[in-house]
Amino acid sequence: MSFYDKHVFFCTNQRADGGDCCGKHGAQQARDYMKNKVAGMDISKRQNNIRINTAGCMNRCDEGPVIVVYPEGTWYTYANEKDLDEIVEQHLRDGRVVERLKI
C-alpha cells in the first residue's frame, strides 16, 4: 500500500540549453498553486493524504507541461489554473480521472 493516497509530481525542469521544457510554461508556479489549493481545501488531511511534489524532467516535453498522479500513474497536461482546479476537484478529491486533460 502506498504511503500517500495520491502523490502528484510536477515536472518543473528547466533546460540549460534554453530548449522547450515544462519550466518554461510556469510549472513551478502551477505546482505552488496546486499545493496551496489542496492545503486550502484541507483534502490532504481530511480524506486523501495527498502530497504535491516537484520532479525533474520526465521526458514528455512535447506534451508539456505535465504532471503524473500516483498510485494510478495518470498523466496530465494543463494550460491554466482552471485545468489544475479540475484535476484537484475531480481526480484528487473525487477520484475521477479528468479525461480531457489526460495524456
Protein backbone atom coordinates (compact mmCIF):
# COMPACT_ATOMS: atom_id res chain seq x y z
CA MET A 1 0.00 0.00 0.00
CA SER A 2 1.25 3.46 -0.89
CA PHE A 3 2.14 5.89 1.90
CA TYR A 4 0.10 8.60 0.16
CA ASP A 5 -3.38 8.09 -1.22
CA LYS A 6 -2.43 10.45 -4.07
CA HIS A 7 1.09 11.56 -4.92
CA VAL A 8 1.33 14.28 -7.59
CA PHE A 9 4.60 15.02 -9.38
CA PHE A 10 5.03 18.24 -11.37
CA CYS A 11 7.79 18.34 -13.95
CA THR A 12 9.47 21.70 -13.29
CA ASN A 13 12.56 21.02 -15.36
CA GLN A 14 14.44 24.00 -16.75
CA ARG A 15 16.70 23.04 -19.68
CA ALA A 16 20.18 24.54 -19.51
CA ASP A 17 20.28 24.93 -23.31
CA GLY A 18 17.09 27.03 -23.30
CA GLY A 19 15.08 24.34 -25.10
CA ASP A 20 11.36 23.88 -24.58
CA CYS A 21 10.53 22.39 -21.20
CA CYS A 22 7.86 22.39 -18.53
CA GLY A 23 9.74 25.07 -16.59
CA LYS A 24 9.21 27.50 -19.47
CA HIS A 25 5.45 27.04 -19.12
CA GLY A 26 5.16 28.18 -15.50
CA ALA A 27 5.38 24.71 -13.98
CA GLN A 28 6.80 25.85 -10.63
CA GLN A 29 4.03 28.42 -10.20
CA ALA A 30 1.45 25.79 -11.20
CA ARG A 31 2.86 23.38 -8.63
CA ASP A 32 2.73 26.06 -5.93
CA TYR A 33 -0.84 26.92 -6.94
CA MET A 34 -2.00 23.29 -6.69
CA LYS A 35 -0.20 22.74 -3.40
CA ASN A 36 -1.89 25.80 -1.90
CA LYS A 37 -5.29 24.81 -3.30
CA VAL A 38 -5.05 21.30 -1.84
CA ALA A 39 -3.96 22.72 1.53
CA GLY A 40 -6.80 25.27 1.46
CA MET A 41 -9.38 22.59 0.76
CA ASP A 42 -7.93 20.50 3.58
CA ILE A 43 -8.34 17.34 1.48
CA SER A 44 -4.70 16.46 2.12
CA LYS A 45 -5.53 15.72 5.77
CA ARG A 46 -9.26 15.06 5.83
CA GLN A 47 -9.74 12.24 3.38
CA ASN A 48 -6.91 11.60 0.97
CA ASN A 49 -3.43 12.20 2.41
CA ILE A 50 -2.25 13.99 -0.74
CA ARG A 51 1.32 15.06 -1.48
CA ILE A 52 2.30 17.56 -4.20
CA ASN A 53 5.96 17.30 -5.28
CA THR A 54 8.43 18.78 -7.73
CA ALA A 55 10.13 16.47 -10.21
CA GLY A 56 12.87 16.89 -12.75
CA CYS A 57 12.46 16.07 -16.42
CA MET A 58 10.01 13.27 -17.11
CA ASN A 59 10.85 13.13 -20.84
CA ARG A 60 7.42 14.21 -22.08
CA CYS A 61 8.39 17.75 -23.08
CA ASP A 62 6.40 17.61 -26.31
CA GLU A 63 3.22 17.05 -24.27
CA GLY A 64 4.04 19.52 -21.52
CA PRO A 65 3.68 20.95 -19.13
CA VAL A 66 2.98 17.63 -17.43
CA ILE A 67 2.09 16.09 -14.10
CA VAL A 68 1.62 12.49 -13.07
CA VAL A 69 -0.68 11.27 -10.28
CA TYR A 70 0.19 8.08 -8.42
CA PRO A 71 -0.68 5.40 -7.50
CA GLU A 72 -2.80 5.37 -10.66
CA GLY A 73 0.01 6.59 -12.91
CA THR A 74 -2.33 9.04 -14.64
CA TRP A 75 -0.53 11.64 -16.77
CA TYR A 76 -2.00 15.09 -17.37
CA THR A 77 -1.15 18.23 -19.23
CA TYR A 78 -2.59 21.61 -18.25
CA ALA A 79 -2.77 25.12 -19.64
CA ASN A 80 -4.02 27.21 -16.73
CA GLU A 81 -5.32 27.29 -13.17
CA LYS A 82 -8.79 26.22 -14.33
CA ASP A 83 -7.28 22.94 -15.58
CA LEU A 84 -5.44 22.46 -12.27
CA ASP A 85 -8.66 23.15 -10.34
CA GLU A 86 -10.39 20.46 -12.37
CA ILE A 87 -7.65 17.93 -11.59
CA VAL A 88 -7.78 18.76 -7.87
CA GLU A 89 -11.54 18.67 -7.60
CA GLN A 90 -12.26 15.70 -9.84
CA HIS A 91 -9.22 13.44 -9.51
CA LEU A 92 -7.69 14.24 -6.12
CA ARG A 93 -10.90 14.95 -4.23
CA ASP A 94 -13.47 12.80 -6.05
CA GLY A 95 -11.31 10.04 -7.54
CA ARG A 96 -12.39 10.57 -11.18
CA VAL A 97 -9.85 10.91 -13.99
CA VAL A 98 -10.13 14.15 -15.97
CA GLU A 99 -10.26 12.62 -19.43
CA ARG A 100 -9.91 15.88 -21.39
CA LEU A 101 -6.52 16.62 -19.78
CA LYS A 102 -5.17 13.08 -19.75
CA ILE A 103 -2.18 12.26 -21.96
